[in-house]
C-alpha atoms as a PDB file:
ATOM      1  CA  MET A   1      -3.479 160.138  41.449  1.00  0.00           C
ATOM      2  CA  ASN A   2      -4.264 160.854  37.810  1.00  0.00           C
ATOM      3  CA  ASN A   3      -7.417 162.953  37.817  1.00  0.00           C
ATOM      4  CA  PRO A   4      -8.850 164.349  34.548  1.00  0.00           C
ATOM      5  CA  LYS A   5     -10.129 167.402  36.493  1.00  0.00           C
ATOM      6  CA  PHE A   6      -6.537 168.521  36.990  1.00  0.00           C
ATOM      7  CA  LYS A   7      -4.526 169.853  34.086  1.00  0.00           C
ATOM      8  CA  ILE A   8      -1.326 168.142  35.069  1.00  0.00           C
ATOM      9  CA  THR A   9       0.386 164.997  33.856  1.00  0.00           C
ATOM     10  CA  LYS A  10       1.505 162.210  36.155  1.00  0.00           C
ATOM     11  CA  GLU A  11       5.146 163.147  35.472  1.00  0.00           C
ATOM     12  CA  ASN A  12       4.638 166.794  36.397  1.00  0.00           C
ATOM     13  CA  GLN A  13       2.597 165.791  39.416  1.00  0.00           C
ATOM     14  CA  GLU A  14       5.723 164.093  40.759  1.00  0.00           C
ATOM     15  CA  LYS A  15       7.516 167.458  40.543  1.00  0.00           C
ATOM     16  CA  LEU A  16       5.014 169.313  42.731  1.00  0.00           C
ATOM     17  CA  SER A  17       6.454 170.793  45.903  1.00  0.00           C
ATOM     18  CA  LEU A  18       4.719 170.888  49.257  1.00  0.00           C
ATOM     19  CA  GLU A  19       4.263 174.661  48.845  1.00  0.00           C
ATOM     20  CA  ASP A  20       2.554 174.123  45.452  1.00  0.00           C
ATOM     21  CA  VAL A  21      -0.051 171.777  46.839  1.00  0.00           C
ATOM     22  CA  LYS A  22      -0.548 173.820  50.030  1.00  0.00           C
ATOM     23  CA  PHE A  23      -1.316 176.857  47.885  1.00  0.00           C
ATOM     24  CA  SER A  24      -3.797 174.849  45.784  1.00  0.00           C
ATOM     25  CA  PHE A  25      -5.396 173.445  48.907  1.00  0.00           C
ATOM     26  CA  GLU A  26      -5.779 176.896  50.504  1.00  0.00           C
ATOM     27  CA  GLN A  27      -7.386 178.290  47.357  1.00  0.00           C
ATOM     28  CA  ALA A  28      -9.736 175.314  47.077  1.00  0.00           C
ATOM     29  CA  GLU A  29     -10.679 175.684  50.742  1.00  0.00           C
ATOM     30  CA  LYS A  30     -11.501 179.382  50.264  1.00  0.00           C
ATOM     31  CA  LEU A  31     -13.658 178.679  47.228  1.00  0.00           C
ATOM     32  CA  LEU A  32     -15.449 175.812  48.962  1.00  0.00           C
ATOM     33  CA  LYS A  33     -16.211 178.038  51.951  1.00  0.00           C
ATOM     34  CA  LYS A  34     -17.471 180.778  49.627  1.00  0.00           C
ATOM     35  CA  SER A  35     -19.718 178.320  47.777  1.00  0.00           C
ATOM     36  CA  ALA A  36     -21.285 177.258  51.078  1.00  0.00           C
ATOM     37  CA  ASP A  37     -21.609 180.879  52.288  1.00  0.00           C
ATOM     38  CA  ILE A  38     -23.663 181.751  49.201  1.00  0.00           C
ATOM     39  CA  SER A  39     -26.349 179.468  50.633  1.00  0.00           C
ATOM     40  CA  SER A  40     -26.995 181.882  53.495  1.00  0.00           C
ATOM     41  CA  ILE A  41     -27.324 184.777  51.029  1.00  0.00           C
ATOM     42  CA  VAL A  42     -29.930 182.833  49.036  1.00  0.00           C
ATOM     43  CA  VAL A  43     -31.835 181.956  52.215  1.00  0.00           C
ATOM     44  CA  THR A  44     -31.785 185.566  53.472  1.00  0.00           C
ATOM     45  CA  ARG A  45     -33.120 186.951  50.199  1.00  0.00           C
ATOM     46  CA  THR A  46     -35.710 184.199  49.950  1.00  0.00           C
ATOM     47  CA  VAL A  47     -36.948 184.900  53.487  1.00  0.00           C
ATOM     48  CA  ILE A  48     -37.320 188.601  52.625  1.00  0.00           C
ATOM     49  CA  LEU A  49     -39.233 187.699  49.466  1.00  0.00           C
ATOM     50  CA  LEU A  50     -41.446 185.309  51.419  1.00  0.00           C
ATOM     51  CA  SER A  51     -42.136 187.967  54.050  1.00  0.00           C
ATOM     52  CA  VAL A  52     -43.336 190.381  51.375  1.00  0.00           C
ATOM     53  CA  ALA A  53     -45.395 187.704  49.597  1.00  0.00           C
ATOM     54  CA  ILE A  54     -47.031 186.474  52.797  1.00  0.00           C
ATOM     55  CA  GLY A  55     -47.763 190.081  53.814  1.00  0.00           C
ATOM     56  CA  ILE A  56     -49.488 190.696  50.476  1.00  0.00           C
ATOM     57  CA  LEU A  57     -51.371 187.400  50.737  1.00  0.00           C
ATOM     58  CA  LEU A  58     -52.627 188.186  54.255  1.00  0.00           C
ATOM     59  CA  SER A  59     -53.684 191.674  53.155  1.00  0.00           C
ATOM     60  CA  ILE A  60     -55.693 190.277  50.265  1.00  0.00           C
ATOM     61  CA  ILE A  61     -57.311 187.640  52.473  1.00  0.00           C
ATOM     62  CA  GLY A  62     -58.149 190.322  55.069  1.00  0.00           C
ATOM     63  CA  PHE A  63     -59.706 192.491  52.349  1.00  0.00           C
ATOM     64  CA  LEU A  64     -61.755 189.567  51.036  1.00  0.00           C
ATOM     65  CA  LEU A  65     -63.034 188.686  54.499  1.00  0.00           C
ATOM     66  CA  LYS A  66     -63.985 192.303  55.193  1.00  0.00           C
ATOM     67  CA  GLN A  67     -65.793 192.539  51.848  1.00  0.00           C
ATOM     68  CA  HIS A  68     -67.663 189.332  52.547  1.00  0.00           C
ATOM     69  CA  ILE A  69     -68.707 190.487  56.023  1.00  0.00           C
ATOM     70  CA  ASP A  70     -69.663 194.010  54.893  1.00  0.00           C
ATOM     71  CA  LEU A  71     -71.216 193.322  51.486  1.00  0.00           C
ATOM     72  CA  LYS A  72     -72.338 189.696  51.814  1.00  0.00           C
ATOM     73  CA  TYR A  73     -71.502 189.099  48.126  1.00  0.00           C
ATOM     74  CA  PHE A  74     -68.470 188.927  45.891  1.00  0.00           C
ATOM     75  CA  GLY A  75     -68.102 191.149  42.860  1.00  0.00           C
ATOM     76  CA  ILE A  76     -65.407 191.290  40.206  1.00  0.00           C
ATOM     77  CA  VAL A  77     -62.834 192.849  42.532  1.00  0.00           C
ATOM     78  CA  GLU A  78     -63.353 190.051  45.026  1.00  0.00           C
ATOM     79  CA  PHE A  79     -62.983 187.390  42.335  1.00  0.00           C
ATOM     80  CA  VAL A  80     -59.736 189.021  41.240  1.00  0.00           C
ATOM     81  CA  GLY A  81     -58.609 188.974  44.876  1.00  0.00           C
ATOM     82  CA  GLU A  82     -59.404 185.266  45.124  1.00  0.00           C
ATOM     83  CA  GLY A  83     -57.517 184.509  41.928  1.00  0.00           C
ATOM     84  CA  ILE A  84     -54.493 186.510  43.061  1.00  0.00           C
ATOM     85  CA  SER A  85     -54.609 184.829  46.480  1.00  0.00           C
ATOM     86  CA  ILE A  86     -54.489 181.365  44.934  1.00  0.00           C
ATOM     87  CA  TYR A  87     -51.721 182.425  42.543  1.00  0.00           C
ATOM     88  CA  LEU A  88     -49.708 183.978  45.369  1.00  0.00           C
ATOM     89  CA  PHE A  89     -50.228 180.982  47.648  1.00  0.00           C
ATOM     90  CA  ILE A  90     -48.786 178.691  44.961  1.00  0.00           C
ATOM     91  CA  TRP A  91     -45.737 180.964  44.600  1.00  0.00           C
ATOM     92  CA  VAL A  92     -45.242 180.999  48.364  1.00  0.00           C
ATOM     93  CA  LEU A  93     -45.254 177.181  48.426  1.00  0.00           C
ATOM     94  CA  LEU A  94     -42.719 177.052  45.582  1.00  0.00           C
ATOM     95  CA  THR A  95     -40.516 179.685  47.183  1.00  0.00           C
ATOM     96  CA  VAL A  96     -40.462 177.932  50.566  1.00  0.00           C
ATOM     97  CA  GLN A  97     -38.606 175.065  48.871  1.00  0.00           C
ATOM     98  CA  ASN A  98     -35.671 177.437  48.454  1.00  0.00           C
ATOM     99  CA  ILE A  99     -35.012 177.799  52.187  1.00  0.00           C
ATOM    100  CA  LYS A 100     -34.858 174.110  52.984  1.00  0.00           C
ATOM    101  CA  GLY A 101     -31.459 172.576  53.713  1.00  0.00           C
ATOM    102  CA  THR A 102     -30.057 171.173  50.513  1.00  0.00           C
ATOM    103  CA  GLY A 103     -26.968 169.145  51.352  1.00  0.00           C
ATOM    104  CA  TYR A 104     -24.108 171.580  50.943  1.00  0.00           C
ATOM    105  CA  ASP A 105     -20.619 170.201  51.427  1.00  0.00           C
ATOM    106  CA  ASP A 106     -18.402 172.193  53.779  1.00  0.00           C
ATOM    107  CA  ILE A 107     -14.675 172.385  54.403  1.00  0.00           C
ATOM    108  CA  GLY A 108     -12.802 169.660  56.251  1.00  0.00           C
ATOM    109  CA  SER A 109     -12.807 165.888  56.122  1.00  0.00           C
ATOM    110  CA  GLN A 110     -13.199 163.077  58.572  1.00  0.00           C
ATOM    111  CA  PRO A 111      -9.962 161.422  59.678  1.00  0.00           C
ATOM    112  CA  LYS A 112     -11.215 158.051  58.400  1.00  0.00           C
ATOM    113  CA  ASP A 113     -11.226 159.580  54.901  1.00  0.00           C
ATOM    114  CA  LEU A 114      -7.680 160.917  55.243  1.00  0.00           C
ATOM    115  CA  ILE A 115      -5.628 158.097  56.739  1.00  0.00           C
ATOM    116  CA  HIS A 116      -4.986 155.363  54.166  1.00  0.00           C
ATOM    117  CA  ASP A 117      -2.502 152.525  54.053  1.00  0.00           C
ATOM    118  CA  HIS A 118      -1.981 153.343  50.388  1.00  0.00           C
ATOM    119  CA  TYR A 119      -0.075 156.567  51.115  1.00  0.00           C
ATOM    120  CA  ILE A 120       2.062 155.014  53.833  1.00  0.00           C
ATOM    121  CA  LEU A 121       2.874 151.938  51.752  1.00  0.00           C
ATOM    122  CA  THR A 122       3.567 153.987  48.629  1.00  0.00           C
ATOM    123  CA  TYR A 123       5.838 156.477  50.410  1.00  0.00           C
ATOM    124  CA  PRO A 124       7.064 154.708  53.583  1.00  0.00           C
ATOM    125  CA  ASP A 125      10.149 156.921  54.065  1.00  0.00           C
ATOM    126  CA  ASP A 126       9.110 160.189  52.426  1.00  0.00           C
ATOM    127  CA  LYS A 127       6.851 162.199  54.737  1.00  0.00           C
ATOM    128  CA  ASP A 128       6.789 165.205  52.406  1.00  0.00           C
ATOM    129  CA  LYS A 129       5.634 163.082  49.463  1.00  0.00           C
ATOM    130  CA  ARG A 130       2.968 161.533  51.651  1.00  0.00           C
ATOM    131  CA  LEU A 131       1.812 164.988  52.760  1.00  0.00           C
ATOM    132  CA  ILE A 132       1.726 166.172  49.134  1.00  0.00           C
ATOM    133  CA  TYR A 133      -0.562 163.309  48.219  1.00  0.00           C
ATOM    134  CA  TYR A 134      -2.771 163.964  51.229  1.00  0.00           C
ATOM    135  CA  TYR A 135      -3.159 167.545  50.028  1.00  0.00           C
ATOM    136  CA  LEU A 136      -3.792 166.409  46.457  1.00  0.00           C
ATOM    137  CA  SER A 137      -6.429 163.987  47.676  1.00  0.00           C
ATOM    138  CA  GLN A 138      -8.130 166.803  49.580  1.00  0.00           C
ATOM    139  CA  VAL A 139      -7.904 169.183  46.632  1.00  0.00           C
ATOM    140  CA  ASP A 140      -9.540 166.512  44.466  1.00  0.00           C
ATOM    141  CA  ASP A 141     -12.290 166.030  47.051  1.00  0.00           C
ATOM    142  CA  TYR A 142     -12.752 169.792  47.426  1.00  0.00           C
ATOM    143  CA  GLN A 143     -13.152 170.168  43.661  1.00  0.00           C
ATOM    144  CA  ASP A 144     -16.063 167.698  43.750  1.00  0.00           C
ATOM    145  CA  ARG A 145     -17.611 169.570  46.678  1.00  0.00           C
ATOM    146  CA  ILE A 146     -17.184 172.946  44.966  1.00  0.00           C
ATOM    147  CA  ASP A 147     -18.841 171.628  41.799  1.00  0.00           C
ATOM    148  CA  LYS A 148     -21.723 170.205  43.837  1.00  0.00           C
ATOM    149  CA  ASN A 149     -22.223 173.397  45.883  1.00  0.00           C
ATOM    150  CA  TYR A 150     -22.173 175.673  42.853  1.00  0.00           C
ATOM    151  CA  GLY A 151     -24.681 173.380  41.123  1.00  0.00           C
ATOM    152  CA  ILE A 152     -27.008 173.681  44.134  1.00  0.00           C
ATOM    153  CA  ASN A 153     -26.470 177.461  44.234  1.00  0.00           C
ATOM    154  CA  ASP A 154     -27.352 177.798  40.543  1.00  0.00           C
ATOM    155  CA  LYS A 155     -30.638 175.927  41.056  1.00  0.00           C
ATOM    156  CA  ARG A 156     -31.526 177.987  44.114  1.00  0.00           C
ATOM    157  CA  TRP A 157     -30.757 181.314  42.409  1.00  0.00           C
ATOM    158  CA  LYS A 158     -32.910 180.274  39.436  1.00  0.00           C
ATOM    159  CA  GLN A 159     -35.770 179.416  41.807  1.00  0.00           C
ATOM    160  CA  PHE A 160     -35.332 182.747  43.600  1.00  0.00           C
ATOM    161  CA  ARG A 161     -35.422 184.740  40.349  1.00  0.00           C
ATOM    162  CA  LEU A 162     -38.433 182.775  39.122  1.00  0.00           C
ATOM    163  CA  SER A 163     -40.264 183.388  42.401  1.00  0.00           C
ATOM    164  CA  LEU A 164     -39.337 187.071  42.334  1.00  0.00           C
ATOM    165  CA  TRP A 165     -40.747 187.484  38.834  1.00  0.00           C
ATOM    166  CA  GLY A 166     -43.831 185.487  39.766  1.00  0.00           C
ATOM    167  CA  ILE A 167     -44.548 187.753  42.713  1.00  0.00           C
ATOM    168  CA  VAL A 168     -43.636 190.982  40.909  1.00  0.00           C
ATOM    169  CA  SER A 169     -46.086 190.048  38.138  1.00  0.00           C
ATOM    170  CA  ILE A 170     -49.057 190.128  40.546  1.00  0.00           C
ATOM    171  CA  PRO A 171     -50.204 193.677  39.690  1.00  0.00           C
ATOM    172  CA  PHE A 172     -50.108 192.895  35.976  1.00  0.00           C
ATOM    173  CA  LEU A 173     -51.970 189.647  36.519  1.00  0.00           C
ATOM    174  CA  ALA A 174     -54.572 191.462  38.628  1.00  0.00           C
ATOM    175  CA  VAL A 175     -55.161 194.053  35.892  1.00  0.00           C
ATOM    176  CA  ILE A 176     -55.468 191.358  33.212  1.00  0.00           C
ATOM    177  CA  LEU A 177     -57.785 189.242  35.359  1.00  0.00           C
ATOM    178  CA  PHE A 178     -59.907 192.278  36.241  1.00  0.00           C
ATOM    179  CA  ALA A 179     -60.128 193.307  32.578  1.00  0.00           C
ATOM    180  CA  LEU A 180     -61.126 189.794  31.499  1.00  0.00           C
ATOM    181  CA  LEU A 181     -63.789 189.497  34.190  1.00  0.00           C
ATOM    182  CA  GLU A 182     -65.094 192.995  33.522  1.00  0.00           C
ATOM    183  CA  TYR A 183     -65.188 192.333  29.777  1.00  0.00           C
ATOM    184  CA  SER A 184     -66.933 188.974  30.223  1.00  0.00           C
ATOM    185  CA  HIS A 185     -69.422 190.604  32.638  1.00  0.00           C
ATOM    186  CA  LEU A 186     -70.164 193.370  30.140  1.00  0.00           C
ATOM    187  CA  LEU A 187     -70.435 190.826  27.335  1.00  0.00           C
ATOM    188  CA  PHE A 188     -72.798 188.684  29.406  1.00  0.00           C
ATOM    189  CA  THR A 189     -74.930 191.731  30.312  1.00  0.00           C
ATOM    190  CA  TYR A 190     -75.031 192.847  26.665  1.00  0.00           C
ATOM    191  CA  CYS A 191     -75.983 189.347  25.451  1.00  0.00           C
ATOM    192  CA  SER A 192     -78.682 189.077  28.148  1.00  0.00           C
ATOM    193  CA  ARG A 193     -80.217 192.367  27.050  1.00  0.00           C
ATOM    194  CA  ILE A 194     -80.120 191.359  23.371  1.00  0.00           C
ATOM    195  CA  ASN A 195     -81.700 188.036  24.292  1.00  0.00           C
ATOM    196  CA  ALA A 196     -84.410 189.784  26.349  1.00  0.00           C
ATOM    197  CA  LEU A 197     -85.157 192.130  23.426  1.00  0.00           C
ATOM    198  CA  CYS A 198     -85.371 189.222  21.003  1.00  0.00           C
ATOM    199  CA  LEU A 199     -87.765 187.303  23.239  1.00  0.00           C
ATOM    200  CA  SER A 200     -90.110 190.238  23.827  1.00  0.00           C
END
């Protein structure tokens, strides 16, 4: 087993004791478990963020419905509410992707992946050597799983932060949208009056 992920030569690998590889295996197992546990932290925080976002979205929709029933028309505030609702709905859809199962690898292996003729034929009379190579095989496999899990975690944390910033930016977006609509309304009113004066 000559793996470039490990910083050990083939000669030094032969010198490893059972305690050396057990220690490496235990550390790899802990890190693999931790990498999978981070998934539940991401899901918990994402669910909280979604709860807040959906609460805001439902409040805006409730406000818009009440305004429509009471006033029978939509003004600038209502248009801002519609714009924010669409924006927030898109962020909710993107954020939901973060709570879906994403193929984390967990600790342990199937027996069919552990029992190989190779180890028995290579070390027919040396049980300790065989056990060392079983551990090394598992450590190698765990390293791949750890790399995969941390890659998934990085993507999910990036999505969470992006969603958080997208949702936190709603008040700023609402102010900008309101200002633009108000300005365009004032500009339209001003131009209409100038046009009416010019025509009369």
